[in-house]
PDB file of all heavy atoms in Angstrom:
ATOM      1  N   PRO A   1       0.709  -1.258  -0.005  1.00  0.00           N
ATOM      2  CA  PRO A   1      -0.002   0.057  -0.009  1.00  0.00           C
ATOM      3  C   PRO A   1       0.895   1.383   0.058  1.00  0.00           C
ATOM      4  O   PRO A   1       0.453   2.279  -0.629  1.00  0.00           O
ATOM      5  CB  PRO A   1      -0.820  -0.174   1.324  1.00  0.00           C
ATOM      6  CG  PRO A   1      -0.653  -1.467   1.812  1.00  0.00           C
ATOM      7  CD  PRO A   1       0.568  -2.034   1.182  1.00  0.00           C
ATOM      8  N   ARG A   2       1.886   1.255   0.754  1.00  0.00           N
ATOM      9  CA  ARG A   2       2.723   2.485   0.819  1.00  0.00           C
ATOM     10  C   ARG A   2       3.417   2.848  -0.612  1.00  0.00           C
ATOM     11  O   ARG A   2       3.476   3.894  -1.044  1.00  0.00           O
ATOM     12  CB  ARG A   2       3.822   2.321   1.942  1.00  0.00           C
ATOM     13  CG  ARG A   2       4.705   3.520   1.921  1.00  0.00           C
ATOM     14  CD  ARG A   2       4.031   4.813   2.581  1.00  0.00           C
ATOM     15  NE  ARG A   2       5.024   5.896   2.522  1.00  0.00           N
ATOM     16  CZ  ARG A   2       4.698   7.148   2.013  1.00  0.00           C
ATOM     17  NH1 ARG A   2       3.442   7.304   1.398  1.00  0.00           N
ATOM     18  NH2 ARG A   2       5.617   8.006   2.170  1.00  0.00           N
ATOM     19  N   PHE A   3       4.067   1.592  -1.124  1.00  0.00           N
ATOM     20  CA  PHE A   3       4.507   1.895  -2.465  1.00  0.00           C
ATOM     21  C   PHE A   3       3.510   2.346  -3.442  1.00  0.00           C
ATOM     22  O   PHE A   3       3.710   3.108  -4.357  1.00  0.00           O
ATOM     23  CB  PHE A   3       5.205   0.629  -2.942  1.00  0.00           C
ATOM     24  CG  PHE A   3       6.498   0.270  -2.279  1.00  0.00           C
ATOM     25  CD1 PHE A   3       7.036  -1.031  -2.382  1.00  0.00           C
ATOM     26  CD2 PHE A   3       7.185   1.145  -1.557  1.00  0.00           C
ATOM     27  CE1 PHE A   3       8.154  -1.449  -1.687  1.00  0.00           C
ATOM     28  CE2 PHE A   3       8.457   0.793  -0.921  1.00  0.00           C
ATOM     29  CZ  PHE A   3       8.894  -0.576  -0.932  1.00  0.00           C
ATOM     30  N   ALA A   4       2.393   1.677  -3.508  1.00  0.00           N
ATOM     31  CA  ALA A   4       1.190   2.002  -4.415  1.00  0.00           C
ATOM     32  C   ALA A   4       0.888   3.562  -4.311  1.00  0.00           C
ATOM     33  O   ALA A   4       0.696   4.178  -5.300  1.00  0.00           O
ATOM     34  CB  ALA A   4       0.045   1.206  -4.089  1.00  0.00           C
ATOM     35  N   GLU A   5       0.889   4.091  -3.113  1.00  0.00           N
ATOM     36  CA  GLU A   5       0.571   5.461  -2.783  1.00  0.00           C
ATOM     37  C   GLU A   5       1.538   6.263  -3.533  1.00  0.00           C
ATOM     38  O   GLU A   5       1.336   7.285  -4.243  1.00  0.00           O
ATOM     39  CB  GLU A   5       0.524   5.816  -1.367  1.00  0.00           C
ATOM     40  CG  GLU A   5       0.171   7.175  -0.933  1.00  0.00           C
ATOM     41  CD  GLU A   5       0.116   7.264   0.595  1.00  0.00           C
ATOM     42  OE1 GLU A   5      -0.295   6.389   1.321  1.00  0.00           O
ATOM     43  OE2 GLU A   5       0.568   8.419   1.056  1.00  0.00           O
ATOM     44  N   ILE A   6       2.947   6.015  -3.260  1.00  0.00           N
ATOM     45  CA  ILE A   6       3.881   6.799  -3.937  1.00  0.00           C
ATOM     46  C   ILE A   6       3.882   6.602  -5.359  1.00  0.00           C
ATOM     47  O   ILE A   6       4.114   7.573  -6.194  1.00  0.00           O
ATOM     48  CB  ILE A   6       5.276   6.371  -3.367  1.00  0.00           C
ATOM     49  CG1 ILE A   6       5.361   6.724  -1.839  1.00  0.00           C
ATOM     50  CG2 ILE A   6       6.434   6.972  -4.093  1.00  0.00           C
ATOM     51  CD1 ILE A   6       6.509   6.039  -1.211  1.00  0.00           C
ATOM     52  N   PHE A   7       3.672   5.410  -5.928  1.00  0.00           N
ATOM     53  CA  PHE A   7       3.599   5.168  -7.366  1.00  0.00           C
ATOM     54  C   PHE A   7       2.467   6.031  -8.015  1.00  0.00           C
ATOM     55  O   PHE A   7       2.774   6.743  -8.965  1.00  0.00           O
ATOM     56  CB  PHE A   7       3.345   3.758  -7.621  1.00  0.00           C
ATOM     57  CG  PHE A   7       3.261   3.316  -9.089  1.00  0.00           C
ATOM     58  CD1 PHE A   7       4.470   3.027  -9.662  1.00  0.00           C
ATOM     59  CD2 PHE A   7       2.193   3.470  -9.788  1.00  0.00           C
ATOM     60  CE1 PHE A   7       4.515   2.600 -11.089  1.00  0.00           C
ATOM     61  CE2 PHE A   7       2.069   3.198 -11.068  1.00  0.00           C
ATOM     62  CZ  PHE A   7       3.299   2.786 -11.763  1.00  0.00           C
ATOM     63  N   LYS A   8       1.360   6.057  -7.364  1.00  0.00           N
ATOM     64  CA  LYS A   8       0.226   6.882  -7.896  1.00  0.00           C
ATOM     65  C   LYS A   8       0.556   8.413  -8.030  1.00  0.00           C
ATOM     66  O   LYS A   8       0.278   9.022  -8.955  1.00  0.00           O
ATOM     67  CB  LYS A   8      -1.044   6.569  -7.090  1.00  0.00           C
ATOM     68  CG  LYS A   8      -1.662   5.282  -7.268  1.00  0.00           C
ATOM     69  CD  LYS A   8      -2.905   5.038  -6.371  1.00  0.00           C
ATOM     70  CE  LYS A   8      -3.342   3.727  -6.266  1.00  0.00           C
ATOM     71  NZ  LYS A   8      -4.425   3.504  -5.299  1.00  0.00           N
ATOM     72  N   ALA A   9       1.312   8.798  -6.984  1.00  0.00           N
ATOM     73  CA  ALA A   9       1.619  10.231  -6.967  1.00  0.00           C
ATOM     74  C   ALA A   9       2.641  10.602  -8.080  1.00  0.00           C
ATOM     75  O   ALA A   9       2.614  11.669  -8.759  1.00  0.00           O
ATOM     76  CB  ALA A   9       2.205  10.580  -5.657  1.00  0.00           C
ATOM     77  N   ARG A  10       3.638   9.598  -8.366  1.00  0.00           N
ATOM     78  CA  ARG A  10       4.555   9.848  -9.348  1.00  0.00           C
ATOM     79  C   ARG A  10       4.114   9.531 -10.765  1.00  0.00           C
ATOM     80  O   ARG A  10       4.700  10.121 -11.734  1.00  0.00           O
ATOM     81  CB  ARG A  10       5.809   8.936  -9.035  1.00  0.00           C
ATOM     82  CG  ARG A  10       6.631   9.327  -7.856  1.00  0.00           C
ATOM     83  CD  ARG A  10       7.784   8.574  -7.665  1.00  0.00           C
ATOM     84  NE  ARG A  10       8.541   8.971  -6.495  1.00  0.00           N
ATOM     85  CZ  ARG A  10       9.564   8.402  -6.016  1.00  0.00           C
ATOM     86  NH1 ARG A  10       9.982   7.182  -6.591  1.00  0.00           N
ATOM     87  NH2 ARG A  10      10.165   8.850  -4.864  1.00  0.00           N
ATOM     88  N   HIS A  11       3.133   8.615 -10.963  1.00  0.00           N
ATOM     89  CA  HIS A  11       2.646   8.261 -12.244  1.00  0.00           C
ATOM     90  C   HIS A  11       1.202   8.201 -12.357  1.00  0.00           C
ATOM     91  O   HIS A  11       0.653   7.019 -12.479  1.00  0.00           O
ATOM     92  CB  HIS A  11       3.375   6.775 -12.513  1.00  0.00           C
ATOM     93  CG  HIS A  11       4.849   6.776 -12.454  1.00  0.00           C
ATOM     94  ND1 HIS A  11       5.522   7.220 -13.535  1.00  0.00           N
ATOM     95  CD2 HIS A  11       5.705   6.296 -11.562  1.00  0.00           C
ATOM     96  CE1 HIS A  11       6.849   7.105 -13.204  1.00  0.00           C
ATOM     97  NE2 HIS A  11       6.930   6.471 -12.044  1.00  0.00           N
ATOM     98  N   PRO A  12       0.577   9.247 -12.099  1.00  0.00           N
ATOM     99  CA  PRO A  12      -0.880   9.271 -12.010  1.00  0.00           C
ATOM    100  C   PRO A  12      -1.608   8.817 -13.331  1.00  0.00           C
ATOM    101  O   PRO A  12      -2.733   8.274 -13.301  1.00  0.00           O
ATOM    102  CB  PRO A  12      -1.232  10.718 -11.798  1.00  0.00           C
ATOM    103  CG  PRO A  12      -0.057  11.540 -12.148  1.00  0.00           C
ATOM    104  CD  PRO A  12       1.047  10.611 -12.009  1.00  0.00           C
ATOM    105  N   GLN A  13      -0.889   8.805 -14.470  1.00  0.00           N
ATOM    106  CA  GLN A  13      -1.415   8.395 -15.646  1.00  0.00           C
ATOM    107  C   GLN A  13      -1.376   6.942 -16.004  1.00  0.00           C
ATOM    108  O   GLN A  13      -1.981   6.435 -16.824  1.00  0.00           O
ATOM    109  CB  GLN A  13      -0.746   9.211 -16.852  1.00  0.00           C
ATOM    110  CG  GLN A  13       0.726   8.895 -16.949  1.00  0.00           C
ATOM    111  CD  GLN A  13       1.685   9.426 -15.840  1.00  0.00           C
ATOM    112  OE1 GLN A  13       1.270   9.879 -14.981  1.00  0.00           O
ATOM    113  NE2 GLN A  13       2.947   9.397 -16.255  1.00  0.00           N
ATOM    114  N   VAL A  14      -0.703   6.207 -15.116  1.00  0.00           N
ATOM    115  CA  VAL A  14      -0.565   4.726 -15.286  1.00  0.00           C
ATOM    116  C   VAL A  14      -1.642   4.026 -14.402  1.00  0.00           C
ATOM    117  O   VAL A  14      -1.823   4.387 -13.279  1.00  0.00           O
ATOM    118  CB  VAL A  14       0.927   4.255 -14.801  1.00  0.00           C
ATOM    119  CG1 VAL A  14       0.924   2.763 -14.848  1.00  0.00           C
ATOM    120  CG2 VAL A  14       1.966   4.796 -15.612  1.00  0.00           C
ATOM    121  N   ARG A  15      -2.243   3.145 -15.014  1.00  0.00           N
ATOM    122  CA  ARG A  15      -3.236   2.184 -14.320  1.00  0.00           C
ATOM    123  C   ARG A  15      -2.594   1.336 -13.401  1.00  0.00           C
ATOM    124  O   ARG A  15      -1.801   0.482 -13.892  1.00  0.00           O
ATOM    125  CB  ARG A  15      -4.082   1.529 -15.340  1.00  0.00           C
ATOM    126  CG  ARG A  15      -5.237   0.808 -14.766  1.00  0.00           C
ATOM    127  CD  ARG A  15      -6.452   0.672 -15.547  1.00  0.00           C
ATOM    128  NE  ARG A  15      -7.579   0.276 -14.869  1.00  0.00           N
ATOM    129  CZ  ARG A  15      -8.567  -0.428 -15.457  1.00  0.00           C
ATOM    130  NH1 ARG A  15      -8.567  -0.591 -16.821  1.00  0.00           N
ATOM    131  NH2 ARG A  15      -9.594  -0.965 -14.828  1.00  0.00           N
ATOM    132  N   LEU A  16      -2.868   1.462 -12.132  1.00  0.00           N
ATOM    133  CA  LEU A  16      -2.211   0.732 -11.132  1.00  0.00           C
ATOM    134  C   LEU A  16      -3.238  -0.142 -10.406  1.00  0.00           C
ATOM    135  O   LEU A  16      -4.261   0.393  -9.967  1.00  0.00           O
ATOM    136  CB  LEU A  16      -1.384   1.661 -10.006  1.00  0.00           C
ATOM    137  CG  LEU A  16      -0.831   0.869  -8.826  1.00  0.00           C
ATOM    138  CD1 LEU A  16       0.401   0.051  -9.321  1.00  0.00           C
ATOM    139  CD2 LEU A  16      -0.534   1.802  -7.741  1.00  0.00           C
ATOM    140  N   PHE A  17      -2.826  -1.466 -10.135  1.00  0.00           N
ATOM    141  CA  PHE A  17      -3.722  -2.352  -9.390  1.00  0.00           C
ATOM    142  C   PHE A  17      -3.054  -2.643  -8.209  1.00  0.00           C
ATOM    143  O   PHE A  17      -1.946  -3.207  -8.262  1.00  0.00           O
ATOM    144  CB  PHE A  17      -4.013  -3.576 -10.315  1.00  0.00           C
ATOM    145  CG  PHE A  17      -4.907  -3.340 -11.575  1.00  0.00           C
ATOM    146  CD1 PHE A  17      -4.262  -2.980 -12.677  1.00  0.00           C
ATOM    147  CD2 PHE A  17      -6.347  -3.512 -11.445  1.00  0.00           C
ATOM    148  CE1 PHE A  17      -5.047  -2.713 -13.824  1.00  0.00           C
ATOM    149  CE2 PHE A  17      -6.945  -3.278 -12.620  1.00  0.00           C
ATOM    150  CZ  PHE A  17      -6.451  -2.847 -13.779  1.00  0.00           C
ATOM    151  N   GLN A  18      -3.698  -2.395  -7.098  1.00  0.00           N
ATOM    152  CA  GLN A  18      -3.092  -2.774  -5.790  1.00  0.00           C
ATOM    153  C   GLN A  18      -3.497  -4.184  -5.512  1.00  0.00           C
ATOM    154  O   GLN A  18      -4.647  -4.375  -4.933  1.00  0.00           O
ATOM    155  CB  GLN A  18      -3.466  -1.770  -4.657  1.00  0.00           C
ATOM    156  CG  GLN A  18      -2.669  -1.923  -3.477  1.00  0.00           C
ATOM    157  CD  GLN A  18      -2.930  -0.840  -2.402  1.00  0.00           C
ATOM    158  OE1 GLN A  18      -3.292   0.243  -2.756  1.00  0.00           O
ATOM    159  NE2 GLN A  18      -2.825  -1.202  -1.146  1.00  0.00           N
ATOM    160  N   ASP A  19      -2.694  -5.091  -5.921  1.00  0.00           N
ATOM    161  CA  ASP A  19      -3.148  -6.538  -5.911  1.00  0.00           C
ATOM    162  C   ASP A  19      -1.887  -7.416  -6.060  1.00  0.00           C
ATOM    163  O   ASP A  19      -0.804  -6.869  -6.155  1.00  0.00           O
ATOM    164  CB  ASP A  19      -4.167  -6.716  -7.017  1.00  0.00           C
ATOM    165  CG  ASP A  19      -5.062  -7.966  -6.841  1.00  0.00           C
ATOM    166  OD1 ASP A  19      -4.702  -8.861  -6.087  1.00  0.00           O
ATOM    167  OD2 ASP A  19      -6.042  -8.090  -7.458  1.00  0.00           O
ATOM    168  N   SER A  20      -2.091  -8.703  -6.006  1.00  0.00           N
ATOM    169  CA  SER A  20      -1.079  -9.666  -6.112  1.00  0.00           C
ATOM    170  C   SER A  20      -1.014 -10.044  -7.662  1.00  0.00           C
ATOM    171  O   SER A  20      -1.968 -10.256  -8.284  1.00  0.00           O
ATOM    172  CB  SER A  20      -1.275 -10.873  -5.289  1.00  0.00           C
ATOM    173  OG  SER A  20      -0.452 -11.907  -5.604  1.00  0.00           O
ATOM    174  N   VAL A  21       0.277 -10.374  -8.080  1.00  0.00           N
ATOM    175  CA  VAL A  21       0.406 -10.907  -9.465  1.00  0.00           C
ATOM    176  C   VAL A  21      -0.208 -12.265  -9.571  1.00  0.00           C
ATOM    177  O   VAL A  21      -0.450 -12.762 -10.667  1.00  0.00           O
ATOM    178  CB  VAL A  21       1.870 -10.896  -9.947  1.00  0.00           C
ATOM    179  CG1 VAL A  21       2.379  -9.468  -9.982  1.00  0.00           C
ATOM    180  CG2 VAL A  21       2.680 -11.712  -9.178  1.00  0.00           C
ATOM    181  N   ALA A  22      -0.599 -12.939  -8.418  1.00  0.00           N
ATOM    182  CA  ALA A  22      -1.333 -14.166  -8.449  1.00  0.00           C
ATOM    183  C   ALA A  22      -2.669 -14.031  -9.147  1.00  0.00           C
ATOM    184  O   ALA A  22      -3.275 -14.926  -9.712  1.00  0.00           O
ATOM    185  CB  ALA A  22      -1.509 -14.689  -7.138  1.00  0.00           C
ATOM    186  N   ASN A  23      -3.102 -12.797  -9.171  1.00  0.00           N
ATOM    187  CA  ASN A  23      -4.459 -12.446  -9.860  1.00  0.00           C
ATOM    188  C   ASN A  23      -4.330 -11.787 -11.223  1.00  0.00           C
ATOM    189  O   ASN A  23      -5.220 -11.023 -11.590  1.00  0.00           O
ATOM    190  CB  ASN A  23      -5.113 -11.517  -8.831  1.00  0.00           C
ATOM    191  CG  ASN A  23      -5.423 -12.283  -7.618  1.00  0.00           C
ATOM    192  OD1 ASN A  23      -5.815 -13.431  -7.517  1.00  0.00           O
ATOM    193  ND2 ASN A  23      -5.191 -11.446  -6.422  1.00  0.00           N
ATOM    194  N   VAL A  24      -3.153 -11.925 -11.876  1.00  0.00           N
ATOM    195  CA  VAL A  24      -2.896 -11.203 -13.061  1.00  0.00           C
ATOM    196  C   VAL A  24      -3.968 -11.488 -14.147  1.00  0.00           C
ATOM    197  O   VAL A  24      -4.265 -10.502 -14.850  1.00  0.00           O
ATOM    198  CB  VAL A  24      -1.360 -11.513 -13.556  1.00  0.00           C
ATOM    199  CG1 VAL A  24      -1.211 -12.868 -14.106  1.00  0.00           C
ATOM    200  CG2 VAL A  24      -0.969 -10.427 -14.660  1.00  0.00           C
ATOM    201  N   ARG A  25      -4.504 -12.586 -14.284  1.00  0.00           N
ATOM    202  CA  ARG A  25      -5.386 -12.888 -15.382  1.00  0.00           C
ATOM    203  C   ARG A  25      -6.673 -12.093 -15.122  1.00  0.00           C
ATOM    204  O   ARG A  25      -7.143 -11.341 -16.076  1.00  0.00           O
ATOM    205  CB  ARG A  25      -5.867 -14.372 -15.438  1.00  0.00           C
ATOM    206  CG  ARG A  25      -6.834 -14.746 -16.422  1.00  0.00           C
ATOM    207  CD  ARG A  25      -6.456 -14.719 -17.887  1.00  0.00           C
ATOM    208  NE  ARG A  25      -6.767 -13.329 -18.388  1.00  0.00           N
ATOM    209  CZ  ARG A  25      -6.104 -12.910 -19.469  1.00  0.00           C
ATOM    210  NH1 ARG A  25      -5.201 -13.592 -20.189  1.00  0.00           N
ATOM    211  NH2 ARG A  25      -6.453 -11.641 -19.900  1.00  0.00           N
ATOM    212  N   ALA A  26      -7.194 -12.023 -13.923  1.00  0.00           N
ATOM    213  CA  ALA A  26      -8.434 -11.165 -13.646  1.00  0.00           C
ATOM    214  C   ALA A  26      -8.000  -9.651 -13.769  1.00  0.00           C
ATOM    215  O   ALA A  26      -8.805  -8.973 -14.226  1.00  0.00           O
ATOM    216  CB  ALA A  26      -8.850 -11.461 -12.180  1.00  0.00           C
ATOM    217  N   ILE A  27      -6.816  -9.260 -13.369  1.00  0.00           N
ATOM    218  CA  ILE A  27      -6.421  -7.858 -13.493  1.00  0.00           C
ATOM    219  C   ILE A  27      -6.276  -7.479 -15.020  1.00  0.00           C
ATOM    220  O   ILE A  27      -6.868  -6.418 -15.417  1.00  0.00           O
ATOM    221  CB  ILE A  27      -5.002  -7.689 -12.957  1.00  0.00           C
ATOM    222  CG1 ILE A  27      -5.100  -7.792 -11.375  1.00  0.00           C
ATOM    223  CG2 ILE A  27      -4.383  -6.325 -13.379  1.00  0.00           C
ATOM    224  CD1 ILE A  27      -3.843  -7.883 -10.650  1.00  0.00           C
ATOM    225  N   CYS A  28      -5.810  -8.401 -15.889  1.00  0.00           N
ATOM    226  CA  CYS A  28      -5.731  -8.136 -17.206  1.00  0.00           C
ATOM    227  C   CYS A  28      -7.187  -8.056 -17.885  1.00  0.00           C
ATOM    228  O   CYS A  28      -7.488  -7.131 -18.718  1.00  0.00           O
ATOM    229  CB  CYS A  28      -4.929  -9.168 -18.082  1.00  0.00           C
ATOM    230  SG  CYS A  28      -3.215  -8.947 -17.865  1.00  0.00           S
ATOM    231  N   ASP A  29      -8.091  -8.796 -17.457  1.00  0.00           N
ATOM    232  CA  ASP A  29      -9.469  -8.951 -17.818  1.00  0.00           C
ATOM    233  C   ASP A  29     -10.054  -7.549 -17.555  1.00  0.00           C
ATOM    234  O   ASP A  29     -10.832  -6.991 -18.387  1.00  0.00           O
ATOM    235  CB  ASP A  29     -10.278 -10.037 -17.276  1.00  0.00           C
ATOM    236  CG  ASP A  29      -9.816 -11.370 -17.839  1.00  0.00           C
ATOM    237  OD1 ASP A  29      -9.158 -11.447 -18.815  1.00  0.00           O
ATOM    238  OD2 ASP A  29     -10.172 -12.356 -17.249  1.00  0.00           O
ATOM    239  N   SER A  30      -9.804  -7.002 -16.385  1.00  0.00           N
ATOM    240  CA  SER A  30     -10.465  -5.772 -15.830  1.00  0.00           C
ATOM    241  C   SER A  30      -9.824  -4.624 -16.685  1.00  0.00           C
ATOM    242  O   SER A  30     -10.377  -3.660 -16.882  1.00  0.00           O
ATOM    243  CB  SER A  30     -10.025  -5.769 -14.449  1.00  0.00           C
ATOM    244  OG  SER A  30     -10.372  -4.418 -13.939  1.00  0.00           O
TER     245      SER A  30
END
């Protein structure tokens, strides 16, 4: 969560999923 917060501030134009890569198929579908 802390890294995600900093990432969002630095790269607001990038779609960020705060999740595990174990869920990458569902993330890609989304």
